[in-house]
Protein backbone atom coordinates (compact mmCIF):
# COMPACT_ATOMS: atom_id res chain seq x y z
CA MET A 1 -0.08 -0.01 -0.16
CA ALA A 2 1.60 3.06 -0.99
CA ASP A 3 2.50 6.05 1.24
CA TYR A 4 0.59 9.43 0.83
CA GLU A 5 2.91 11.93 -0.46
CA ASP A 6 3.04 15.64 -0.13
CA GLN A 7 1.00 17.23 -3.33
CA SER A 8 3.17 20.40 -3.23
CA MET A 9 6.16 18.08 -4.11
CA ASN A 10 4.50 16.80 -7.59
CA PRO A 11 6.67 17.95 -10.40
CA LEU A 12 3.35 18.89 -12.30
CA ALA A 13 2.67 21.39 -9.63
CA ASP A 14 3.77 24.41 -12.01
CA MET A 15 1.12 22.91 -14.69
CA ASN A 16 -1.53 22.52 -11.70
CA ARG A 17 -1.15 26.23 -10.88
CA ASP A 18 -2.13 27.67 -14.00
CA MET A 19 -4.59 25.18 -14.23
CA ASN A 20 -6.02 26.42 -11.54
CA ARG A 21 -6.30 29.96 -12.39
CA ASP A 22 -9.65 30.35 -13.92
CA VAL A 23 -11.54 28.21 -11.54
CA ASP A 24 -13.85 29.52 -8.66
CA THR A 25 -12.15 28.53 -5.11
CA ASP A 26 -15.29 30.23 -2.94
CA ILE A 27 -18.11 27.26 -3.64
CA ASP A 28 -18.25 25.38 -0.59
CA ASP A 29 -21.69 23.99 -0.71
CA LYS A 30 -21.76 21.02 -2.98
CA ASP A 31 -21.07 17.45 -2.72
CA VAL A 32 -18.24 17.08 -5.05
CA GLN A 33 -14.90 19.25 -5.44
CA MET A 34 -12.34 18.99 -8.04
CA VAL A 35 -8.77 18.34 -7.01
CA SER A 36 -5.59 19.74 -8.25
CA ALA A 37 -1.80 18.26 -7.34
CA GLU A 38 -1.53 21.45 -5.16
CA GLU A 39 -4.68 22.25 -3.51
CA ALA A 40 -8.63 21.31 -3.62
CA THR A 41 -10.40 23.38 -5.99
CA ARG A 42 -14.05 23.67 -5.46
CA VAL A 43 -16.97 23.87 -8.23
CA SER A 44 -20.21 23.95 -8.90
CA SER A 45 -22.13 20.46 -10.08
CA SER A 46 -24.92 22.05 -12.01
CA ALA A 47 -23.63 22.35 -15.68
CA THR A 48 -23.48 19.54 -18.40
CA ILE A 49 -20.74 19.55 -20.96
CA LYS A 50 -20.05 16.17 -23.38
CA GLN A 51 -16.50 15.48 -23.82
CA GLU A 52 -14.94 16.70 -27.01
CA ALA A 53 -15.24 14.39 -29.94
CA GLY A 54 -11.86 12.55 -30.32
CA ALA A 55 -10.18 13.64 -26.80
CA PRO A 56 -8.10 11.05 -25.90
CA ALA A 57 -9.70 8.42 -22.94
CA THR A 58 -6.46 8.08 -21.08
CA PRO A 59 -5.02 11.89 -20.64
CA GLN A 60 -1.43 12.02 -21.38
CA GLY A 61 1.17 11.75 -18.48
CA LEU A 62 -2.10 10.37 -16.15
CA GLN A 63 -0.31 7.10 -15.28
CA GLN A 64 2.95 8.74 -14.42
CA THR A 65 0.80 11.24 -12.50
CA LEU A 66 -0.65 8.36 -10.20
CA GLN A 67 2.41 6.73 -9.67
CA ARG A 68 4.11 9.73 -8.06
CA GLU A 69 1.12 10.88 -6.15
CA GLY A 70 0.95 7.09 -4.79
CA VAL A 71 -2.82 6.01 -5.36
CA LEU A 72 -3.88 4.27 -2.31
CA GLU A 73 -6.16 1.33 -4.17
CA SER A 74 -6.97 0.62 -7.97
CA MET A 75 -10.60 -0.22 -8.78
CA ASP A 76 -9.50 -0.29 -12.40
CA LYS A 77 -5.77 -0.86 -13.20
CA ASN A 78 -6.16 1.00 -16.31
CA GLY A 79 -8.33 3.61 -14.63
CA ASP A 80 -8.60 7.19 -15.84
CA MET A 81 -9.81 9.08 -12.93
CA ILE A 82 -8.89 9.48 -9.27
CA ILE A 83 -11.30 9.76 -6.54
CA PHE A 84 -10.37 11.57 -3.14
CA VAL A 85 -12.08 10.82 0.12
CA GLY A 86 -10.54 12.14 3.34
CA ARG A 87 -7.07 10.88 3.51
CA ALA A 88 -7.83 7.92 1.13
CA LYS A 89 -7.72 7.93 -2.92
CA PHE A 90 -8.99 5.73 -5.71
CA LEU A 91 -8.02 5.00 -9.32
CA CYS A 92 -11.31 4.55 -11.06
CA CYS A 93 -12.45 4.33 -14.38
CA SER A 94 -14.36 7.53 -15.69
CA ARG A 95 -16.65 5.62 -17.73
CA THR A 96 -18.09 3.70 -15.01
CA ILE A 97 -18.16 6.20 -12.59
CA PHE A 98 -20.09 8.44 -15.36
CA ARG A 99 -22.26 5.55 -16.01
CA ALA A 100 -23.14 5.12 -12.05
CA SER A 101 -23.21 8.96 -11.12
CA ARG A 102 -24.75 11.69 -12.92
CA VAL A 103 -23.84 13.97 -10.35
CA LEU A 104 -20.15 13.08 -10.60
CA GLU A 105 -20.39 13.21 -14.22
CA LYS A 106 -21.80 16.73 -14.49
CA ALA A 107 -18.84 17.95 -12.00
CA ALA A 108 -15.98 16.71 -14.14
CA ALA A 109 -17.95 18.26 -17.24
CA ASP A 110 -18.58 21.50 -15.70
CA THR A 111 -14.88 21.62 -14.47
CA ALA A 112 -13.98 20.96 -18.21
CA ALA A 113 -16.02 23.75 -19.20
CA ARG A 114 -14.60 26.08 -17.04
CA LEU A 115 -11.14 25.53 -17.82
CA ALA A 116 -11.68 25.43 -21.55
CA GLU A 117 -13.23 28.93 -20.97
CA GLY A 118 -9.84 30.48 -20.80
CA GLY A 119 -8.11 28.53 -24.03
CA GLU A 120 -4.89 28.45 -22.60
CA MET A 121 -4.88 25.10 -21.58
CA SER A 122 -4.23 21.74 -23.61
CA ARG A 123 -7.13 19.50 -24.18
CA ASP A 124 -4.91 16.78 -22.08
CA ALA A 125 -4.38 18.95 -19.48
CA ILE A 126 -8.00 19.81 -19.27
CA ALA A 127 -9.19 15.95 -18.96
CA LEU A 128 -6.60 15.27 -16.48
CA GLN A 129 -7.84 18.27 -14.19
CA SER A 130 -11.46 17.13 -14.40
CA ARG A 131 -10.78 13.39 -13.58
CA ARG A 132 -9.53 14.46 -10.51
CA ILE A 133 -12.56 14.57 -7.73
CA THR A 134 -12.71 14.87 -3.87
CA LEU A 135 -15.84 13.98 -2.27
CA LYS A 136 -17.34 16.65 0.30
CA ALA A 137 -16.50 15.44 3.94
CA ARG A 138 -20.08 14.80 5.29
CA PRO A 139 -21.37 12.29 7.93
CA GLY A 140 -21.31 8.72 6.14
CA VAL A 141 -19.17 9.66 2.92
CA THR A 142 -16.50 7.76 4.54
CA PRO A 143 -13.45 5.87 2.80
CA ALA A 144 -14.62 2.42 3.83
CA ALA A 145 -18.15 3.25 2.31
CA VAL A 146 -16.56 4.93 -0.68
CA ARG A 147 -14.34 1.81 -1.18
CA ALA A 148 -17.55 -0.24 -0.90
CA VAL A 149 -19.48 1.47 -3.58
CA LEU A 150 -16.73 1.63 -6.17
CA THR A 151 -16.27 -1.66 -5.65
CA ILE A 152 -19.61 -3.07 -6.30
CA ILE A 153 -20.03 -0.23 -9.56
CA HIS A 154 -16.63 -1.73 -10.87
CA GLY A 155 -18.20 -5.17 -11.02
CA SER A 156 -16.74 -6.86 -8.04
CA PRO A 157 -19.25 -7.17 -5.64
CA MET A 158 -18.34 -10.66 -4.28
CA GLU A 159 -15.25 -9.13 -2.84
CA LEU A 160 -17.56 -7.53 0.21
CA SER A 161 -19.61 -10.92 0.55
CA SER A 162 -17.73 -10.97 4.20
CA GLN A 163 -19.40 -7.83 5.08
CA PHE A 164 -23.00 -8.48 3.98
CA GLY A 165 -23.82 -8.67 7.51
CA ASP A 166 -22.46 -5.31 8.30
CA ARG A 167 -25.18 -2.66 8.94
CA LYS A 168 -23.49 0.21 9.66
CA LEU A 169 -21.44 -0.49 6.06
CA LEU A 170 -24.33 -0.53 4.15
CA HIS A 171 -25.94 2.25 6.10
CA GLU A 172 -23.05 4.36 4.74
CA MET A 173 -23.16 2.65 1.36
CA LEU A 174 -26.84 4.13 0.84
CA ILE A 175 -25.61 7.62 2.29
CA VAL A 176 -23.08 7.88 -0.53
CA GLY A 177 -25.34 6.37 -3.24
CA HIS A 178 -27.95 8.99 -2.21
CA TYR A 179 -25.66 11.95 -2.27
CA TYR A 180 -24.36 10.85 -5.67
CA GLU A 181 -27.63 9.38 -7.32
CA MET A 182 -25.85 5.92 -7.55
CA THR A 183 -28.25 3.59 -5.19
CA GLU A 184 -29.78 2.07 -8.42
CA SER A 185 -26.62 0.71 -8.98
CA LEU A 186 -25.96 -0.30 -5.55
CA ALA A 187 -29.27 -2.01 -5.21
CA PRO A 188 -28.98 -5.48 -6.30
CA VAL A 189 -25.75 -6.06 -3.88
CA ALA A 190 -27.36 -4.23 -1.26
CA VAL A 191 -30.14 -6.91 -1.27
CA LYS A 192 -27.76 -8.94 -0.12
CA PHE A 193 -26.53 -6.78 2.92
CA ILE A 194 -30.29 -6.21 3.73
CA LYS A 195 -31.21 -9.94 3.82
CA LYS A 196 -28.39 -10.20 6.39
CA CYS A 197 -28.43 -7.15 8.49
CA TYR A 198 -32.05 -6.18 8.83
CA SER A 199 -33.88 -7.30 11.86
CA PRO A 200 -37.51 -7.49 12.16
CA ALA A 201 -36.86 -7.78 16.05
CA MET A 202 -37.60 -4.95 18.41
CA LEU A 203 -34.79 -2.48 18.58
CA PHE A 204 -34.18 0.09 21.25
CA ARG A 205 -31.03 2.09 20.61
CA GLN A 206 -31.95 5.50 18.47
CA ASP A 207 -28.55 5.02 16.36
CA GLU A 208 -29.81 1.64 15.59
CA ILE A 209 -33.47 2.22 14.70
CA ALA A 210 -32.53 5.44 12.70
CA SER A 211 -29.84 3.44 10.55
CA GLN A 212 -32.44 0.44 10.12
CA LEU A 213 -35.12 3.18 9.22
CA TRP A 214 -32.95 4.76 6.52
CA ILE A 215 -31.76 1.15 4.78
CA CYS A 216 -35.52 0.22 4.54
CA HIS A 217 -36.49 3.46 3.19
CA GLN A 218 -33.42 3.82 0.53
CA MET A 219 -34.17 0.14 -0.41
CA GLY A 220 -37.77 0.62 -0.71
CA HIS A 221 -38.57 -2.18 2.06
CA LEU A 222 -41.79 -1.14 2.93
CA GLU A 223 -42.58 -3.95 5.44
CA GLY A 224 -39.35 -3.33 6.92
CA PHE A 225 -39.78 0.33 7.01
CA LYS A 226 -43.11 -0.21 8.94
CA GLN A 227 -41.85 -2.37 11.55
CA THR A 228 -38.82 0.16 12.26
CA LEU A 229 -41.15 3.26 12.22
CA GLY A 230 -43.16 1.75 14.87
CA MET A 231 -40.14 0.90 16.81
CA LEU A 232 -39.06 4.52 16.41
CA ILE A 233 -42.28 5.97 17.36
CA MET A 234 -43.01 3.29 20.57
CA GLY A 235 -39.34 4.65 21.95
CA ALA A 236 -39.37 8.46 21.10
CA ARG A 237 -39.60 10.42 24.06
CA VAL A 238 -39.84 14.35 24.31
CA ASN A 239 -36.79 16.31 25.12
CA LYS A 240 -37.25 19.84 27.03
CA LYS A 241 -36.80 21.34 23.52
CA ASP A 242 -40.13 19.35 22.27
CA GLN A 243 -37.89 17.13 20.02
CA LEU A 244 -38.03 13.65 19.98
CA VAL A 245 -35.03 11.73 21.29
CA GLY A 246 -34.85 8.16 21.34
CA SER A 247 -33.49 5.13 23.97
CA GLY A 248 -29.49 5.57 24.25
CA ALA A 249 -29.30 9.02 22.86
CA PRO A 250 -28.47 12.28 24.88
CA ASP A 251 -31.39 15.31 25.00
CA ASP A 252 -29.23 17.34 22.88
CA GLN A 253 -28.80 14.38 19.77
CA PRO A 254 -32.89 14.40 18.94
CA TYR A 255 -34.04 12.91 15.92
CA ALA A 256 -34.60 15.96 13.95
CA GLU A 257 -30.93 16.82 13.98
CA MET A 258 -30.02 13.40 12.28
CA GLU A 259 -28.70 13.98 8.76
CA ILE A 260 -30.46 10.63 7.64
CA MET A 261 -33.87 11.75 9.08
CA LYS A 262 -33.65 15.02 7.72
CA LEU A 263 -33.00 13.59 3.93
CA MET A 264 -36.15 11.12 4.55
CA GLY A 265 -37.93 14.34 5.04
CA LEU A 266 -40.61 12.07 7.74
CA MET A 267 -39.70 14.00 11.12
CA ASN A 268 -43.36 16.11 11.24
CA ARG A 269 -45.09 13.16 10.34
CA ILE A 270 -43.35 10.92 13.08
CA THR A 271 -44.05 13.79 15.72
CA SER A 272 -47.26 13.66 15.03
CA ALA A 273 -47.80 10.27 15.19
CA ARG A 274 -46.08 9.62 18.36
CA ASN A 275 -48.06 12.58 19.87
CA SER A 276 -51.24 10.82 18.15
CA LEU A 277 -50.34 7.39 19.96
CA THR A 278 -49.56 9.12 23.47
CA SER A 279 -52.58 10.82 23.19
CA ARG A 280 -54.75 7.76 22.25
CA LEU A 281 -52.96 5.64 25.14
CA ILE A 282 -54.31 8.15 27.77
CA GLU A 283 -57.91 8.37 26.16
CA LEU A 284 -58.37 4.37 26.59
CA PHE A 285 -56.91 4.36 29.97
CA GLU A 286 -59.22 7.13 31.34
CA GLU A 287 -62.10 6.05 29.24
CA SER A 288 -62.03 2.81 31.75
CA TYR A 289 -62.16 5.05 34.48
CA GLU A 290 -65.01 7.06 33.48
CA ARG A 291 -67.12 4.14 32.60
CA LEU A 292 -66.65 2.67 36.08
CA GLU A 293 -67.23 6.15 37.65
CA ALA A 294 -70.22 6.37 35.46
CA SER A 295 -71.57 3.08 36.63
CA PRO A 296 -74.89 2.65 38.71
CA GLY A 297 -72.67 0.55 41.58
CA THR A 298 -70.49 3.68 41.94
CA ALA A 299 -73.09 6.26 42.79
CA THR A 300 -70.36 8.88 42.50
CA SER A 301 -72.32 10.02 39.32
CA THR A 302 -75.26 11.98 38.21
CA ASN A 303 -74.62 10.74 34.32
CA LEU A 304 -75.42 6.86 35.10
CA THR A 305 -74.77 4.57 32.38
CA GLU A 306 -75.19 0.71 32.58
CA PHE A 307 -72.96 -1.30 34.68
CA PHE A 308 -69.51 -2.49 33.86
CA CYS A 309 -69.33 -5.70 35.59
CA LEU A 310 -69.91 -8.46 32.81
CA ALA A 311 -71.59 -10.93 35.28
CA ASP A 312 -75.62 -11.24 35.86
CA ARG A 313 -75.30 -10.85 39.43
CA ASN A 314 -74.00 -8.51 42.06
CA GLN A 315 -73.15 -5.83 39.64
CA ALA A 316 -73.14 -3.11 41.66
CA ARG A 317 -70.92 -4.20 44.12
CA CYS A 318 -68.24 -5.63 41.25
CA ASP A 319 -68.38 -2.55 39.97
CA LEU A 320 -67.95 -0.53 43.07
CA VAL A 321 -64.89 -2.77 44.10
CA MET A 322 -63.03 -2.35 40.73
CA PHE A 323 -63.50 1.34 40.65
CA GLY A 324 -62.00 1.53 44.10
CA ALA A 325 -59.42 -1.00 43.05
CA LEU A 326 -58.73 1.33 39.91
CA ALA A 327 -58.62 4.77 41.96
CA LYS A 328 -56.14 3.11 44.36
CA ALA A 329 -54.18 2.12 41.97
CA MET A 330 -53.94 5.21 39.81
CA LYS A 331 -53.23 7.21 43.01
CA ALA A 332 -50.16 4.90 43.72
CA ALA A 333 -48.89 5.26 40.23
CA ASP A 334 -49.33 9.37 41.12
CA TRP A 335 -51.29 9.42 37.60
CA GLU A 336 -52.26 13.15 38.08
CA ASN A 337 -48.68 14.15 37.66
CA MET A 338 -47.40 11.52 35.43
CA ASP A 339 -44.68 13.00 32.80
CA PHE A 340 -46.37 12.60 29.26
CA SER A 341 -43.38 13.30 27.70
CA CYS A 342 -41.98 9.91 28.30
CA SER A 343 -42.04 7.36 25.46
CA PRO A 344 -45.18 5.85 24.21
CA ARG A 345 -43.69 2.27 25.21
CA THR A 346 -42.98 3.47 28.71
CA LEU A 347 -46.78 5.05 28.95
CA GLN A 348 -47.87 1.86 28.02
CA ARG A 349 -45.96 -0.03 30.32
CA SER A 350 -47.29 2.09 33.15
CA ILE A 351 -51.14 1.57 32.10
CA MET A 352 -50.56 -2.05 32.25
CA LYS A 353 -48.72 -1.86 35.72
CA ILE A 354 -51.69 0.59 36.82
CA GLY A 355 -53.85 -2.24 35.47
CA LYS A 356 -52.52 -5.21 36.76
CA ASP A 357 -52.50 -3.38 40.11
CA ALA A 358 -55.95 -2.55 40.08
CA LEU A 359 -56.89 -5.99 39.13
CA GLU A 360 -55.02 -7.38 42.10
CA ARG A 361 -56.57 -5.26 44.52
CA ALA A 362 -60.04 -5.92 43.24
CA ASN A 363 -59.59 -9.64 43.53
CA ALA A 364 -58.16 -9.57 47.12
CA THR A 365 -61.39 -7.75 47.70
CA GLY A 366 -63.66 -10.07 45.62
CA ILE A 367 -64.91 -9.75 42.04
CA HIS A 368 -66.41 -12.08 39.32
CA SER A 369 -63.58 -13.98 37.72
CA GLN A 370 -64.43 -12.49 34.26
CA CYS A 371 -64.56 -8.65 34.90
CA THR A 372 -61.42 -6.45 35.09
CA PRO A 373 -61.34 -2.81 35.79
CA LEU A 374 -59.69 -2.20 32.69
CA LEU A 375 -62.07 -4.51 30.53
CA ASP A 376 -60.05 -5.28 27.10
CA ASP A 377 -58.57 -1.88 26.86
CA LEU A 378 -55.08 -3.50 27.54
CA ASP A 379 -55.45 -5.48 24.09
CA SER A 380 -56.44 -2.49 22.53
CA ILE A 381 -53.25 -0.33 23.66
CA LYS A 382 -51.40 -3.41 22.10
CA LYS A 383 -52.55 -2.81 18.69
CA LEU A 384 -52.57 1.16 18.83
CA ALA A 385 -48.96 1.59 17.50
CA LYS A 386 -49.49 -0.49 14.33
CA GLU A 387 -52.66 1.35 13.90
CA VAL A 388 -50.90 4.80 14.08
CA VAL A 389 -48.11 3.78 11.67
CA ASP A 390 -50.24 2.50 9.07
CA ARG A 391 -52.19 6.04 9.29
CA ILE A 392 -48.86 7.81 8.52
CA PRO A 393 -48.71 9.22 4.63
CA LEU A 394 -46.17 7.51 2.85
CA GLU A 395 -44.83 7.92 -0.81
CA MET A 396 -46.51 4.53 -1.74
CA ASP A 397 -45.49 4.91 -5.49
CA TYR A 398 -41.68 5.29 -4.08
CA PHE A 399 -41.90 2.17 -2.26
CA SER A 400 -43.60 0.12 -5.19
CA ARG A 401 -40.90 1.05 -7.88
CA ARG A 402 -37.79 0.81 -5.76
CA GLY A 403 -38.69 -2.08 -3.64
CA GLY A 404 -40.99 -3.73 -6.11
CA ALA A 405 -37.88 -3.70 -8.34
CA LEU A 406 -35.72 -5.56 -5.70
CA GLY A 407 -38.53 -8.48 -4.95
CA PHE A 408 -39.63 -6.58 -1.84
CA ASN A 409 -43.35 -5.71 -1.17
CA ASP A 410 -44.89 -8.49 -3.19
CA ASP A 411 -48.25 -9.72 -1.95
C-alpha cells in the first residue's frame, strides 16, 4: 500500500497552478470538489458538457502522475480518474463512474467547461484536471463506504461478501449512493446486505433504529420500514425543547438533527404520529375510569349508564370494588402527575402496571372472574402502535417502484 505524498512536491505543480487560475475557489456547499495536485479546487456540479469528440480516453501523463502521487487503491488498473475521500485515494474508470453517477459526471464536465473558457490549456491538461475529484466531507461519506461503492460499480461485489452483515457499512453505502445518485447501481448488492443485517425484532437504541429506518427507506423495503417506524415511535420521548429523542441518546441529539432523518423528510409526520399515539393511550385508559365512574354501582356520578361488570348478578358491588381498586392503583402510580413526555412504550407499561395492580386489588376484595377494571383495553393498547403507523402517509409509489424492483413488497 503506497504512502501518501505531499502534493506540493509533485513535479506537475506548476502546470496545476496554471490550470487552477480560472477556477472559482469560493464554492463550498457542493457534494463534490475537483482536486489539483497542489490544492482542492471547489466547483459547482450544476452544468453538463459533453466530452469533445476525439479526446483521448486516458489523458497523457496520467499514469505517471498516479505513480508520483501514490494512489492508495486501484479499482481499475487502467483507470483514468482519481477519487479522493478523506486521506484515501482510488484509481477508477471514468466511464464506469459516469455511468453510475450523474452527479460526478456533471461535476467533471462542469470543471472541464470552466477550464476550457480561458483557451490557454491543452485538451489533455483539461481532461487530467477534470478527472480528479474529491468527495465532500460529510457524515456517512467515509473511505470504507466509498471503497465498497466503487468496488460494486466496478464489477467486483463478491469482494464484499464477508461484510454482507455489516449494517453500518450498508448504512453508509446508501448515504454515498443518495448524495451521488448511485443507489440504483448499488441496489442488487444491497439486497444481499439487507437480507443479512435487517432485524424484524424490536430495536431500542436510537442509532440502530434510525439506521435501519434509513436502510429500509432507501431500499424501498415497505414492511421493514413500517416495522422499524413503529419501533421508533414507540421508543421516542420528548426532550425539554419538544424534540423527539430515542433510547440511548442524550437530550441534545434528537432525531430531527440526524442527517438521515432530514434526508427522509419524515420528522413532522413521525412527531404527529407519536403525539397521536400518546394521546390515544391516555384516552383509552381514562375511558375505563370514566365508565366505572358512571356505573350505577359506584354512585359517584349523576350521569349513570350501564354496569361495567360482565356478570349477571351483584353487578353494583363488583363495579364499586373495581372502581375503588382502580382509583387506588392510579393514586399509587401518581397518575395525576404522570410525565407524558416519556415514550409511548414507557406510558404503555405504566398503564398496564396500573391495570395489573388494580386487578390484584379487586381480586383481593372479591370480583367476578370474568371482570377486570380495564376490560379489554389492554389488548387495544397493544394494537395502537401498528394502527398509528398505518395511518402515516407514505410515498407508496416510491416504495412500489424501488422495493418492487428488488423483490420486496410482493403480495
